[in-house]
Amino acid sequence: MPPVFPRLYIIVDAPLLPIPAAEMAERLASAGAPLIQYRDKQGSSLRLYETCRELGRRMASFPVRWIVNDRADIAMLTGAGGVHVGQDDLPVAAAREIVGRDRWVGFSTHTLEQVREADTTSADYIAFGPIYPTTTKKQADPTVGAEGLRRARELTRKPLVAIGGIRLENAEELWRAGADSLAVARDVVSHRDPSARVREYLALAERVFGAQAKP
């Protein structure tokens, strides 16, 4: 793990994209995005595999770590930098067996008890939320708010990624509440200028964290 976890974690969520996923990821990486997850919960295994192969080809030119949502097997097959699993996916230990120690395994949590449990696993980072209401998931869990994030911060020393309803306008509050990183989907990939939006987040992170804004 780097001394400082990337402050911005962009989720390239297939249903939100106005252009092909690999093209979007390339634009974001060109703008300086340090960490990108590709998520396509409706696509077939073949479509996910083919998209991730193209992502791997394009991301090789940038200093970015890219991660596959849910599918540890496809992460391995396509050279991704890790996999992100949820409460209903493979357990962290099983995902770790597949991807090994050099790739990251991230784990989604929605309650403080889940954060406690996640802290005992080999997960490289813990995502916590939804912080605010979100429309990117059909059956979102109850929101936890900035106060819930502060409480989660007390339960783990692993990197903590805030997720759910995050916008540039609430980013500073969540970083100051204890998030190491912010997972952003719609506010970047559906923005009229995704590259400019990435640069806005990174500039804000630098103002908040100074030299610690970059891994």
N, C-alpha and C. Protein backbone atom coordinates (compact mmCIF):
# COMPACT_ATOMS: atom_id res chain seq x y z
N MET A 1 0.84 -1.20 0.00
CA MET A 1 0.00 0.00 0.00
C MET A 1 0.87 1.25 0.00
N PRO A 2 0.46 2.30 -0.73
CA PRO A 2 1.23 3.54 -0.70
C PRO A 2 1.08 4.21 0.65
N PRO A 3 2.03 5.12 1.02
CA PRO A 3 1.91 5.82 2.29
C PRO A 3 0.63 6.63 2.38
N VAL A 4 0.20 7.19 1.24
CA VAL A 4 -1.05 7.94 1.18
C VAL A 4 -1.94 7.28 0.13
N PHE A 5 -3.12 6.87 0.54
CA PHE A 5 -4.05 6.25 -0.40
C PHE A 5 -4.55 7.33 -1.36
N PRO A 6 -4.77 7.00 -2.65
CA PRO A 6 -5.26 8.00 -3.58
C PRO A 6 -6.52 8.69 -3.06
N ARG A 7 -6.54 10.01 -3.12
CA ARG A 7 -7.63 10.78 -2.55
C ARG A 7 -8.91 10.71 -3.38
N LEU A 8 -8.78 10.36 -4.65
CA LEU A 8 -9.94 10.30 -5.55
C LEU A 8 -10.02 8.93 -6.19
N TYR A 9 -11.22 8.36 -6.16
CA TYR A 9 -11.46 6.99 -6.64
C TYR A 9 -12.69 7.08 -7.54
N ILE A 10 -12.47 7.02 -8.82
CA ILE A 10 -13.58 7.21 -9.76
C ILE A 10 -14.15 5.87 -10.18
N ILE A 11 -15.47 5.78 -10.11
CA ILE A 11 -16.17 4.57 -10.56
C ILE A 11 -16.76 4.83 -11.93
N VAL A 12 -16.22 4.11 -12.91
CA VAL A 12 -16.73 4.19 -14.28
C VAL A 12 -17.87 3.18 -14.36
N ASP A 13 -19.07 3.68 -14.12
CA ASP A 13 -20.27 2.84 -14.01
C ASP A 13 -20.96 2.78 -15.38
N ALA A 14 -21.02 1.59 -15.95
CA ALA A 14 -21.46 1.43 -17.33
C ALA A 14 -22.77 2.16 -17.67
N PRO A 15 -23.82 2.07 -16.86
CA PRO A 15 -25.08 2.71 -17.25
C PRO A 15 -25.01 4.23 -17.32
N LEU A 16 -24.01 4.84 -16.73
CA LEU A 16 -23.90 6.30 -16.71
C LEU A 16 -23.11 6.86 -17.88
N LEU A 17 -22.47 6.01 -18.66
CA LEU A 17 -21.46 6.48 -19.60
C LEU A 17 -22.04 6.98 -20.92
N PRO A 18 -21.64 8.19 -21.35
CA PRO A 18 -22.07 8.70 -22.65
C PRO A 18 -21.16 8.23 -23.78
N ILE A 19 -20.01 7.65 -23.43
CA ILE A 19 -19.04 7.15 -24.40
C ILE A 19 -18.54 5.79 -23.91
N PRO A 20 -17.84 5.02 -24.75
CA PRO A 20 -17.35 3.71 -24.32
C PRO A 20 -16.47 3.80 -23.07
N ALA A 21 -16.53 2.77 -22.24
CA ALA A 21 -15.85 2.77 -20.95
C ALA A 21 -14.35 3.00 -21.08
N ALA A 22 -13.71 2.34 -22.03
CA ALA A 22 -12.27 2.48 -22.16
C ALA A 22 -11.89 3.91 -22.56
N GLU A 23 -12.71 4.52 -23.39
CA GLU A 23 -12.45 5.91 -23.78
C GLU A 23 -12.62 6.84 -22.59
N MET A 24 -13.66 6.61 -21.80
CA MET A 24 -13.88 7.44 -20.61
C MET A 24 -12.71 7.28 -19.64
N ALA A 25 -12.31 6.04 -19.37
CA ALA A 25 -11.21 5.80 -18.44
C ALA A 25 -9.93 6.46 -18.92
N GLU A 26 -9.70 6.43 -20.22
CA GLU A 26 -8.49 7.06 -20.76
C GLU A 26 -8.52 8.58 -20.54
N ARG A 27 -9.67 9.19 -20.74
CA ARG A 27 -9.80 10.63 -20.49
C ARG A 27 -9.53 10.96 -19.03
N LEU A 28 -10.09 10.14 -18.14
CA LEU A 28 -9.92 10.39 -16.71
C LEU A 28 -8.47 10.20 -16.29
N ALA A 29 -7.83 9.16 -16.79
CA ALA A 29 -6.42 8.92 -16.47
C ALA A 29 -5.55 10.04 -17.01
N SER A 30 -5.88 10.54 -18.19
CA SER A 30 -5.12 11.64 -18.77
C SER A 30 -5.23 12.89 -17.92
N ALA A 31 -6.36 13.05 -17.23
CA ALA A 31 -6.57 14.22 -16.37
C ALA A 31 -5.92 14.05 -15.00
N GLY A 32 -5.36 12.87 -14.73
CA GLY A 32 -4.66 12.66 -13.47
C GLY A 32 -5.37 11.76 -12.48
N ALA A 33 -6.49 11.15 -12.86
CA ALA A 33 -7.19 10.25 -11.94
C ALA A 33 -6.25 9.13 -11.50
N PRO A 34 -6.07 8.94 -10.19
CA PRO A 34 -5.10 7.95 -9.72
C PRO A 34 -5.66 6.54 -9.54
N LEU A 35 -6.99 6.43 -9.44
CA LEU A 35 -7.62 5.15 -9.11
C LEU A 35 -8.99 5.09 -9.78
N ILE A 36 -9.19 4.06 -10.60
CA ILE A 36 -10.43 3.93 -11.38
C ILE A 36 -10.97 2.52 -11.21
N GLN A 37 -12.26 2.44 -10.94
CA GLN A 37 -12.93 1.14 -10.90
C GLN A 37 -13.91 1.05 -12.07
N TYR A 38 -13.91 -0.10 -12.74
CA TYR A 38 -14.91 -0.32 -13.78
C TYR A 38 -16.02 -1.20 -13.21
N ARG A 39 -17.27 -0.73 -13.35
CA ARG A 39 -18.42 -1.46 -12.82
C ARG A 39 -19.47 -1.62 -13.90
N ASP A 40 -19.88 -2.87 -14.13
CA ASP A 40 -20.96 -3.16 -15.08
C ASP A 40 -21.74 -4.36 -14.54
N LYS A 41 -22.75 -4.07 -13.76
CA LYS A 41 -23.50 -5.14 -13.10
C LYS A 41 -24.54 -5.78 -14.01
N GLN A 42 -24.85 -5.16 -15.13
CA GLN A 42 -25.84 -5.73 -16.04
C GLN A 42 -25.21 -6.48 -17.22
N GLY A 43 -23.94 -6.25 -17.47
CA GLY A 43 -23.30 -6.84 -18.64
C GLY A 43 -22.99 -8.31 -18.47
N SER A 44 -22.86 -9.01 -19.60
CA SER A 44 -22.47 -10.42 -19.57
C SER A 44 -21.01 -10.56 -19.19
N SER A 45 -20.63 -11.77 -18.84
CA SER A 45 -19.22 -12.04 -18.52
C SER A 45 -18.34 -11.73 -19.72
N LEU A 46 -18.82 -12.06 -20.91
CA LEU A 46 -18.02 -11.81 -22.12
C LEU A 46 -17.83 -10.31 -22.32
N ARG A 47 -18.90 -9.54 -22.16
CA ARG A 47 -18.77 -8.10 -22.36
C ARG A 47 -17.83 -7.49 -21.33
N LEU A 48 -17.93 -7.94 -20.09
CA LEU A 48 -17.05 -7.43 -19.04
C LEU A 48 -15.61 -7.78 -19.35
N TYR A 49 -15.37 -9.00 -19.77
CA TYR A 49 -14.02 -9.44 -20.10
C TYR A 49 -13.43 -8.60 -21.24
N GLU A 50 -14.20 -8.42 -22.29
CA GLU A 50 -13.70 -7.68 -23.46
C GLU A 50 -13.44 -6.21 -23.12
N THR A 51 -14.33 -5.63 -22.34
CA THR A 51 -14.13 -4.23 -21.94
C THR A 51 -12.90 -4.09 -21.07
N CYS A 52 -12.72 -5.01 -20.14
CA CYS A 52 -11.57 -4.93 -19.25
C CYS A 52 -10.26 -5.19 -19.98
N ARG A 53 -10.27 -6.02 -20.99
CA ARG A 53 -9.07 -6.20 -21.81
C ARG A 53 -8.68 -4.89 -22.46
N GLU A 54 -9.67 -4.17 -22.97
CA GLU A 54 -9.39 -2.88 -23.61
C GLU A 54 -8.95 -1.85 -22.57
N LEU A 55 -9.57 -1.90 -21.40
CA LEU A 55 -9.14 -1.01 -20.32
C LEU A 55 -7.68 -1.27 -19.95
N GLY A 56 -7.33 -2.52 -19.82
CA GLY A 56 -5.96 -2.86 -19.48
C GLY A 56 -4.97 -2.34 -20.51
N ARG A 57 -5.33 -2.45 -21.77
CA ARG A 57 -4.45 -1.97 -22.84
C ARG A 57 -4.25 -0.46 -22.74
N ARG A 58 -5.34 0.26 -22.51
CA ARG A 58 -5.25 1.72 -22.48
C ARG A 58 -4.62 2.25 -21.19
N MET A 59 -4.94 1.61 -20.07
CA MET A 59 -4.43 2.10 -18.80
C MET A 59 -2.93 1.88 -18.62
N ALA A 60 -2.35 0.99 -19.43
CA ALA A 60 -0.92 0.70 -19.31
C ALA A 60 -0.06 1.93 -19.57
N SER A 61 -0.61 2.93 -20.22
CA SER A 61 0.16 4.13 -20.56
C SER A 61 0.13 5.18 -19.46
N PHE A 62 -0.60 4.93 -18.37
CA PHE A 62 -0.80 5.95 -17.35
C PHE A 62 -0.42 5.43 -15.96
N PRO A 63 -0.03 6.35 -15.05
CA PRO A 63 0.25 5.95 -13.66
C PRO A 63 -1.03 5.86 -12.86
N VAL A 64 -1.87 4.93 -13.23
CA VAL A 64 -3.18 4.78 -12.60
C VAL A 64 -3.38 3.32 -12.23
N ARG A 65 -4.02 3.06 -11.11
CA ARG A 65 -4.42 1.70 -10.76
C ARG A 65 -5.89 1.56 -11.13
N TRP A 66 -6.20 0.52 -11.89
CA TRP A 66 -7.61 0.30 -12.21
C TRP A 66 -8.06 -1.04 -11.65
N ILE A 67 -9.32 -1.05 -11.25
CA ILE A 67 -9.89 -2.15 -10.47
C ILE A 67 -11.18 -2.61 -11.11
N VAL A 68 -11.45 -3.90 -11.04
CA VAL A 68 -12.68 -4.48 -11.57
C VAL A 68 -13.67 -4.70 -10.43
N ASN A 69 -14.90 -4.32 -10.64
CA ASN A 69 -15.93 -4.55 -9.63
C ASN A 69 -16.37 -6.01 -9.67
N ASP A 70 -16.46 -6.64 -8.53
CA ASP A 70 -17.04 -7.98 -8.33
C ASP A 70 -16.17 -9.15 -8.79
N ARG A 71 -15.58 -9.07 -9.97
CA ARG A 71 -15.03 -10.25 -10.63
C ARG A 71 -13.52 -10.38 -10.49
N ALA A 72 -13.10 -11.16 -9.48
CA ALA A 72 -11.68 -11.38 -9.27
C ALA A 72 -11.05 -12.14 -10.44
N ASP A 73 -11.80 -13.05 -11.05
CA ASP A 73 -11.25 -13.82 -12.17
C ASP A 73 -10.93 -12.91 -13.35
N ILE A 74 -11.84 -12.00 -13.66
CA ILE A 74 -11.61 -11.09 -14.78
C ILE A 74 -10.51 -10.09 -14.46
N ALA A 75 -10.41 -9.69 -13.21
CA ALA A 75 -9.30 -8.82 -12.82
C ALA A 75 -7.96 -9.49 -13.11
N MET A 76 -7.84 -10.75 -12.79
CA MET A 76 -6.60 -11.49 -13.04
C MET A 76 -6.35 -11.66 -14.53
N LEU A 77 -7.38 -12.03 -15.26
CA LEU A 77 -7.22 -12.33 -16.68
C LEU A 77 -6.87 -11.10 -17.51
N THR A 78 -7.25 -9.93 -17.03
CA THR A 78 -7.06 -8.71 -17.83
C THR A 78 -5.99 -7.79 -17.28
N GLY A 79 -5.28 -8.22 -16.25
CA GLY A 79 -4.17 -7.44 -15.74
C GLY A 79 -4.57 -6.24 -14.91
N ALA A 80 -5.75 -6.28 -14.31
CA ALA A 80 -6.19 -5.17 -13.47
C ALA A 80 -5.34 -5.09 -12.21
N GLY A 81 -5.44 -3.94 -11.55
CA GLY A 81 -4.67 -3.73 -10.32
C GLY A 81 -5.40 -4.19 -9.08
N GLY A 82 -6.58 -4.79 -9.27
CA GLY A 82 -7.31 -5.27 -8.11
C GLY A 82 -8.76 -5.56 -8.42
N VAL A 83 -9.48 -5.92 -7.37
CA VAL A 83 -10.90 -6.23 -7.48
C VAL A 83 -11.61 -5.60 -6.28
N HIS A 84 -12.84 -5.20 -6.50
CA HIS A 84 -13.65 -4.68 -5.40
C HIS A 84 -14.85 -5.58 -5.21
N VAL A 85 -15.04 -6.08 -3.98
CA VAL A 85 -16.14 -7.00 -3.70
C VAL A 85 -17.08 -6.40 -2.67
N GLY A 86 -18.34 -6.84 -2.75
CA GLY A 86 -19.37 -6.36 -1.84
C GLY A 86 -19.82 -7.45 -0.89
N GLN A 87 -20.84 -7.13 -0.12
CA GLN A 87 -21.34 -8.05 0.89
C GLN A 87 -21.90 -9.33 0.30
N ASP A 88 -22.35 -9.30 -0.94
CA ASP A 88 -22.94 -10.49 -1.56
C ASP A 88 -22.02 -11.13 -2.59
N ASP A 89 -20.77 -10.69 -2.65
CA ASP A 89 -19.82 -11.24 -3.61
C ASP A 89 -18.91 -12.25 -2.91
N LEU A 90 -17.84 -12.64 -3.58
CA LEU A 90 -16.86 -13.52 -2.96
C LEU A 90 -16.35 -12.91 -1.66
N PRO A 91 -16.12 -13.71 -0.63
CA PRO A 91 -15.47 -13.18 0.58
C PRO A 91 -14.09 -12.63 0.24
N VAL A 92 -13.64 -11.71 1.06
CA VAL A 92 -12.33 -11.10 0.83
C VAL A 92 -11.24 -12.17 0.72
N ALA A 93 -11.26 -13.15 1.61
CA ALA A 93 -10.22 -14.18 1.60
C ALA A 93 -10.20 -14.95 0.28
N ALA A 94 -11.39 -15.24 -0.26
CA ALA A 94 -11.46 -15.96 -1.54
C ALA A 94 -10.96 -15.09 -2.68
N ALA A 95 -11.36 -13.83 -2.67
CA ALA A 95 -10.88 -12.91 -3.71
C ALA A 95 -9.36 -12.78 -3.64
N ARG A 96 -8.83 -12.75 -2.42
CA ARG A 96 -7.38 -12.66 -2.24
C ARG A 96 -6.67 -13.88 -2.79
N GLU A 97 -7.26 -15.04 -2.61
CA GLU A 97 -6.66 -16.25 -3.17
C GLU A 97 -6.52 -16.16 -4.67
N ILE A 98 -7.48 -15.54 -5.31
CA ILE A 98 -7.47 -15.43 -6.77
C ILE A 98 -6.48 -14.38 -7.25
N VAL A 99 -6.52 -13.19 -6.65
CA VAL A 99 -5.71 -12.08 -7.19
C VAL A 99 -4.32 -11.98 -6.59
N GLY A 100 -4.08 -12.65 -5.46
CA GLY A 100 -2.76 -12.62 -4.86
C GLY A 100 -2.50 -11.38 -4.02
N ARG A 101 -1.26 -11.22 -3.59
CA ARG A 101 -0.90 -10.13 -2.68
C ARG A 101 -0.58 -8.83 -3.41
N ASP A 102 -0.21 -8.91 -4.67
CA ASP A 102 0.23 -7.70 -5.38
C ASP A 102 -0.93 -6.85 -5.88
N ARG A 103 -2.11 -7.45 -5.97
CA ARG A 103 -3.28 -6.69 -6.40
C ARG A 103 -4.13 -6.34 -5.18
N TRP A 104 -4.85 -5.25 -5.27
CA TRP A 104 -5.69 -4.82 -4.17
C TRP A 104 -7.01 -5.55 -4.14
N VAL A 105 -7.51 -5.76 -2.94
CA VAL A 105 -8.87 -6.22 -2.74
C VAL A 105 -9.58 -5.16 -1.89
N GLY A 106 -10.63 -4.57 -2.45
CA GLY A 106 -11.44 -3.61 -1.71
C GLY A 106 -12.73 -4.26 -1.28
N PHE A 107 -13.34 -3.74 -0.21
CA PHE A 107 -14.52 -4.39 0.35
C PHE A 107 -15.55 -3.33 0.74
N SER A 108 -16.78 -3.50 0.29
CA SER A 108 -17.85 -2.56 0.60
C SER A 108 -18.50 -2.88 1.94
N THR A 109 -18.75 -1.84 2.72
CA THR A 109 -19.47 -1.99 3.99
C THR A 109 -20.54 -0.91 4.08
N HIS A 110 -21.59 -1.22 4.87
CA HIS A 110 -22.73 -0.29 4.97
C HIS A 110 -23.12 0.00 6.41
N THR A 111 -22.54 -0.73 7.34
CA THR A 111 -22.84 -0.52 8.76
C THR A 111 -21.52 -0.51 9.54
N LEU A 112 -21.59 -0.01 10.76
CA LEU A 112 -20.38 0.02 11.59
C LEU A 112 -19.90 -1.38 11.93
N GLU A 113 -20.84 -2.30 12.12
CA GLU A 113 -20.46 -3.68 12.42
C GLU A 113 -19.72 -4.29 11.23
N GLN A 114 -20.16 -4.00 10.03
CA GLN A 114 -19.46 -4.50 8.85
C GLN A 114 -18.06 -3.91 8.73
N VAL A 115 -17.91 -2.66 9.14
CA VAL A 115 -16.57 -2.05 9.14
C VAL A 115 -15.67 -2.79 10.12
N ARG A 116 -16.18 -3.09 11.31
CA ARG A 116 -15.39 -3.84 12.29
C ARG A 116 -14.94 -5.19 11.71
N GLU A 117 -15.87 -5.88 11.07
CA GLU A 117 -15.55 -7.19 10.50
C GLU A 117 -14.53 -7.05 9.37
N ALA A 118 -14.72 -6.03 8.53
CA ALA A 118 -13.81 -5.82 7.40
C ALA A 118 -12.40 -5.53 7.88
N ASP A 119 -12.30 -4.89 9.03
CA ASP A 119 -10.97 -4.55 9.56
C ASP A 119 -10.16 -5.79 9.91
N THR A 120 -10.82 -6.91 10.12
CA THR A 120 -10.10 -8.15 10.47
C THR A 120 -9.70 -8.94 9.24
N THR A 121 -10.10 -8.51 8.06
CA THR A 121 -9.79 -9.24 6.83
C THR A 121 -8.50 -8.71 6.22
N SER A 122 -8.12 -9.30 5.09
CA SER A 122 -6.93 -8.84 4.38
C SER A 122 -7.25 -7.74 3.37
N ALA A 123 -8.46 -7.18 3.42
CA ALA A 123 -8.83 -6.12 2.49
C ALA A 123 -7.81 -4.98 2.55
N ASP A 124 -7.45 -4.46 1.39
CA ASP A 124 -6.50 -3.35 1.32
C ASP A 124 -7.15 -2.02 1.66
N TYR A 125 -8.44 -1.92 1.42
CA TYR A 125 -9.18 -0.72 1.80
C TYR A 125 -10.63 -1.10 2.04
N ILE A 126 -11.33 -0.23 2.76
CA ILE A 126 -12.74 -0.45 3.09
C ILE A 126 -13.56 0.70 2.53
N ALA A 127 -14.56 0.39 1.73
CA ALA A 127 -15.51 1.41 1.27
C ALA A 127 -16.69 1.43 2.23
N PHE A 128 -17.17 2.63 2.55
CA PHE A 128 -18.25 2.77 3.52
C PHE A 128 -19.30 3.74 2.99
N GLY A 129 -20.56 3.29 3.04
CA GLY A 129 -21.64 4.15 2.57
C GLY A 129 -22.90 3.32 2.30
N PRO A 130 -23.89 3.94 1.70
CA PRO A 130 -23.84 5.26 1.07
C PRO A 130 -23.84 6.39 2.09
N ILE A 131 -22.99 7.38 1.82
CA ILE A 131 -22.95 8.55 2.70
C ILE A 131 -24.22 9.38 2.53
N TYR A 132 -24.54 9.65 1.27
CA TYR A 132 -25.74 10.41 0.93
C TYR A 132 -26.58 9.58 -0.04
N PRO A 133 -27.82 9.98 -0.31
CA PRO A 133 -28.66 9.24 -1.25
C PRO A 133 -27.98 9.12 -2.62
N THR A 134 -28.12 7.96 -3.22
CA THR A 134 -27.50 7.72 -4.52
C THR A 134 -28.48 6.99 -5.42
N THR A 135 -28.36 7.24 -6.71
CA THR A 135 -29.22 6.56 -7.69
C THR A 135 -28.42 5.57 -8.52
N THR A 136 -27.15 5.39 -8.21
CA THR A 136 -26.35 4.46 -9.02
C THR A 136 -26.55 3.01 -8.62
N LYS A 137 -27.24 2.76 -7.51
CA LYS A 137 -27.59 1.40 -7.11
C LYS A 137 -29.10 1.32 -6.89
N LYS A 138 -29.69 0.27 -7.42
CA LYS A 138 -31.15 0.14 -7.36
C LYS A 138 -31.65 -0.08 -5.94
N GLN A 139 -30.92 -0.82 -5.14
CA GLN A 139 -31.34 -1.12 -3.76
C GLN A 139 -30.27 -0.64 -2.79
N ALA A 140 -30.14 0.66 -2.69
CA ALA A 140 -29.11 1.23 -1.83
C ALA A 140 -29.46 1.04 -0.36
N ASP A 141 -28.44 0.86 0.44
CA ASP A 141 -28.63 0.74 1.89
C ASP A 141 -28.94 2.11 2.48
N PRO A 142 -29.38 2.18 3.74
CA PRO A 142 -29.65 3.47 4.37
C PRO A 142 -28.40 4.35 4.40
N THR A 143 -28.59 5.65 4.22
CA THR A 143 -27.45 6.56 4.24
C THR A 143 -26.88 6.68 5.65
N VAL A 144 -25.58 6.96 5.72
CA VAL A 144 -24.89 7.04 7.00
C VAL A 144 -24.45 8.47 7.34
N GLY A 145 -24.34 9.34 6.33
CA GLY A 145 -23.97 10.72 6.58
C GLY A 145 -22.53 10.89 7.02
N ALA A 146 -22.13 12.15 7.13
CA ALA A 146 -20.76 12.45 7.54
C ALA A 146 -20.47 11.98 8.96
N GLU A 147 -21.49 12.01 9.83
CA GLU A 147 -21.28 11.56 11.21
C GLU A 147 -21.02 10.05 11.25
N GLY A 148 -21.75 9.29 10.43
CA GLY A 148 -21.47 7.86 10.35
C GLY A 148 -20.06 7.59 9.86
N LEU A 149 -19.60 8.40 8.93
CA LEU A 149 -18.23 8.26 8.43
C LEU A 149 -17.22 8.52 9.54
N ARG A 150 -17.46 9.53 10.35
CA ARG A 150 -16.55 9.81 11.48
C ARG A 150 -16.48 8.62 12.43
N ARG A 151 -17.60 8.00 12.68
CA ARG A 151 -17.62 6.85 13.58
C ARG A 151 -16.90 5.65 12.95
N ALA A 152 -17.09 5.47 11.64
CA ALA A 152 -16.39 4.38 10.96
C ALA A 152 -14.88 4.59 11.00
N ARG A 153 -14.46 5.85 10.90
CA ARG A 153 -13.03 6.16 10.93
C ARG A 153 -12.37 5.68 12.22
N GLU A 154 -13.13 5.68 13.31
CA GLU A 154 -12.60 5.27 14.60
C GLU A 154 -12.40 3.75 14.70
N LEU A 155 -12.97 3.00 13.76
CA LEU A 155 -12.99 1.55 13.86
C LEU A 155 -11.92 0.85 13.04
N THR A 156 -11.19 1.59 12.22
CA THR A 156 -10.21 0.93 11.37
C THR A 156 -9.06 1.88 11.05
N ARG A 157 -7.89 1.29 10.85
CA ARG A 157 -6.74 2.05 10.36
C ARG A 157 -6.51 1.77 8.88
N LYS A 158 -7.31 0.90 8.30
CA LYS A 158 -7.21 0.68 6.86
C LYS A 158 -7.70 1.93 6.13
N PRO A 159 -7.24 2.13 4.89
CA PRO A 159 -7.78 3.24 4.11
C PRO A 159 -9.30 3.14 4.01
N LEU A 160 -9.97 4.26 4.25
CA LEU A 160 -11.43 4.30 4.27
C LEU A 160 -11.92 5.15 3.10
N VAL A 161 -12.75 4.54 2.27
CA VAL A 161 -13.25 5.19 1.06
C VAL A 161 -14.73 5.51 1.25
N ALA A 162 -15.07 6.78 1.23
CA ALA A 162 -16.47 7.20 1.33
C ALA A 162 -17.13 7.05 -0.03
N ILE A 163 -18.37 6.54 -0.03
CA ILE A 163 -19.07 6.31 -1.29
C ILE A 163 -20.55 6.61 -1.13
N GLY A 164 -21.14 7.11 -2.22
CA GLY A 164 -22.59 7.33 -2.22
C GLY A 164 -22.99 8.79 -2.21
N GLY A 165 -23.45 9.29 -3.35
CA GLY A 165 -23.97 10.65 -3.42
C GLY A 165 -22.92 11.73 -3.27
N ILE A 166 -21.69 11.42 -3.60
CA ILE A 166 -20.60 12.37 -3.39
C ILE A 166 -20.51 13.33 -4.57
N ARG A 167 -20.39 14.61 -4.25
CA ARG A 167 -20.24 15.68 -5.23
C ARG A 167 -19.09 16.57 -4.79
N LEU A 168 -18.64 17.38 -5.69
CA LEU A 168 -17.54 18.29 -5.36
C LEU A 168 -17.91 19.17 -4.18
N GLU A 169 -19.18 19.53 -4.10
CA GLU A 169 -19.64 20.45 -3.05
C GLU A 169 -19.53 19.86 -1.64
N ASN A 170 -19.58 18.54 -1.50
CA ASN A 170 -19.47 17.94 -0.16
C ASN A 170 -18.16 17.19 0.04
N ALA A 171 -17.26 17.29 -0.92
CA ALA A 171 -16.02 16.52 -0.85
C ALA A 171 -15.15 16.92 0.33
N GLU A 172 -14.96 18.20 0.54
CA GLU A 172 -14.08 18.63 1.62
C GLU A 172 -14.60 18.17 2.98
N GLU A 173 -15.91 18.27 3.19
CA GLU A 173 -16.49 17.83 4.46
C GLU A 173 -16.16 16.37 4.73
N LEU A 174 -16.24 15.54 3.70
CA LEU A 174 -16.03 14.10 3.89
C LEU A 174 -14.55 13.76 4.08
N TRP A 175 -13.69 14.45 3.37
CA TRP A 175 -12.26 14.24 3.63
C TRP A 175 -11.94 14.60 5.08
N ARG A 176 -12.49 15.72 5.54
CA ARG A 176 -12.19 16.18 6.91
C ARG A 176 -12.89 15.31 7.96
N ALA A 177 -13.93 14.57 7.55
CA ALA A 177 -14.61 13.65 8.47
C ALA A 177 -13.85 12.33 8.63
N GLY A 178 -12.81 12.14 7.83
CA GLY A 178 -11.99 10.95 8.01
C GLY A 178 -11.80 10.08 6.80
N ALA A 179 -12.42 10.42 5.68
CA ALA A 179 -12.24 9.61 4.47
C ALA A 179 -10.83 9.79 3.92
N ASP A 180 -10.18 8.69 3.64
CA ASP A 180 -8.90 8.76 2.93
C ASP A 180 -9.13 9.08 1.46
N SER A 181 -10.25 8.59 0.94
CA SER A 181 -10.55 8.73 -0.47
C SER A 181 -12.05 8.87 -0.66
N LEU A 182 -12.43 9.48 -1.79
CA LEU A 182 -13.83 9.62 -2.14
C LEU A 182 -14.10 8.86 -3.42
N ALA A 183 -15.07 7.96 -3.38
CA ALA A 183 -15.48 7.22 -4.57
C ALA A 183 -16.60 7.99 -5.25
N VAL A 184 -16.33 8.44 -6.46
CA VAL A 184 -17.26 9.30 -7.18
C VAL A 184 -17.62 8.65 -8.51
N ALA A 185 -18.89 8.60 -8.81
CA ALA A 185 -19.34 8.07 -10.09
C ALA A 185 -19.99 9.18 -10.91
N ARG A 186 -21.28 9.43 -10.68
CA ARG A 186 -22.05 10.34 -11.52
C ARG A 186 -21.45 11.74 -11.62
N ASP A 187 -20.95 12.27 -10.52
CA ASP A 187 -20.47 13.65 -10.53
C ASP A 187 -19.24 13.83 -11.41
N VAL A 188 -18.61 12.74 -11.81
CA VAL A 188 -17.50 12.83 -12.76
C VAL A 188 -17.91 12.31 -14.13
N VAL A 189 -18.34 11.06 -14.21
CA VAL A 189 -18.53 10.46 -15.54
C VAL A 189 -19.74 11.02 -16.28
N SER A 190 -20.71 11.61 -15.55
CA SER A 190 -21.86 12.22 -16.21
C SER A 190 -21.73 13.74 -16.30
N HIS A 191 -20.62 14.27 -15.86
CA HIS A 191 -20.38 15.71 -15.93
C HIS A 191 -20.16 16.12 -17.38
N ARG A 192 -20.47 17.37 -17.69
CA ARG A 192 -20.31 17.83 -19.08
C ARG A 192 -18.85 17.79 -19.52
N ASP A 193 -17.93 17.87 -18.56
CA ASP A 193 -16.50 17.79 -18.86
C ASP A 193 -15.83 16.94 -17.78
N PRO A 194 -15.85 15.61 -17.92
CA PRO A 194 -15.30 14.73 -16.88
C PRO A 194 -13.84 15.02 -16.54
N SER A 195 -13.04 15.34 -17.54
CA SER A 195 -11.62 15.61 -17.29
C SER A 195 -11.45 16.83 -16.40
N ALA A 196 -12.20 17.88 -16.70
CA ALA A 196 -12.13 19.09 -15.88
C ALA A 196 -12.60 18.82 -14.46
N ARG A 197 -13.62 17.95 -14.32
CA ARG A 197 -14.14 17.64 -13.00
C ARG A 197 -13.08 16.90 -12.17
N VAL A 198 -12.36 15.99 -12.81
CA VAL A 198 -11.27 15.29 -12.12
C VAL A 198 -10.26 16.31 -11.60
N ARG A 199 -9.88 17.24 -12.44
CA ARG A 199 -8.89 18.24 -12.03
C ARG A 199 -9.41 19.10 -10.88
N GLU A 200 -10.71 19.38 -10.86
CA GLU A 200 -11.29 20.15 -9.75
C GLU A 200 -11.16 19.38 -8.43
N TYR A 201 -11.48 18.08 -8.46
CA TYR A 201 -11.35 17.27 -7.24
C TYR A 201 -9.90 17.21 -6.78
N LEU A 202 -8.98 17.02 -7.71
CA LEU A 202 -7.58 16.90 -7.34
C LEU A 202 -7.05 18.22 -6.78
N ALA A 203 -7.48 19.33 -7.35
CA ALA A 203 -7.06 20.63 -6.84
C ALA A 203 -7.59 20.86 -5.43
N LEU A 204 -8.84 20.45 -5.20
CA LEU A 204 -9.43 20.59 -3.87
C LEU A 204 -8.69 19.70 -2.87
N ALA A 205 -8.36 18.48 -3.27
CA ALA A 205 -7.61 17.58 -2.37
C ALA A 205 -6.27 18.19 -2.00
N GLU A 206 -5.63 18.85 -2.94
CA GLU A 206 -4.34 19.47 -2.65
C GLU A 206 -4.50 20.62 -1.67
N ARG A 207 -5.60 21.36 -1.79
CA ARG A 207 -5.83 22.45 -0.83
C ARG A 207 -6.11 21.89 0.57
N VAL A 208 -6.82 20.76 0.63
CA VAL A 208 -7.16 20.17 1.93
C VAL A 208 -5.97 19.49 2.58
N PHE A 209 -5.22 18.73 1.79
CA PHE A 209 -4.17 17.86 2.35
C PHE A 209 -2.75 18.36 2.10
N GLY A 210 -2.58 19.33 1.23
CA GLY A 210 -1.24 19.79 0.92
C GLY A 210 -0.42 18.72 0.24
N ALA A 211 0.80 18.52 0.72
CA ALA A 211 1.70 17.55 0.11
C ALA A 211 1.19 16.12 0.23
N GLN A 212 0.27 15.88 1.16
CA GLN A 212 -0.27 14.54 1.35
C GLN A 212 -1.41 14.22 0.39
N ALA A 213 -1.71 15.11 -0.52
CA ALA A 213 -2.81 14.87 -1.45
C ALA A 213 -2.47 13.79 -2.47
N LYS A 214 -1.18 13.56 -2.68
CA LYS A 214 -0.76 12.60 -3.71
C LYS A 214 -0.08 11.41 -3.06
N PRO A 215 -0.34 10.19 -3.61
CA PRO A 215 0.31 8.99 -3.09
C PRO A 215 1.80 8.96 -3.45
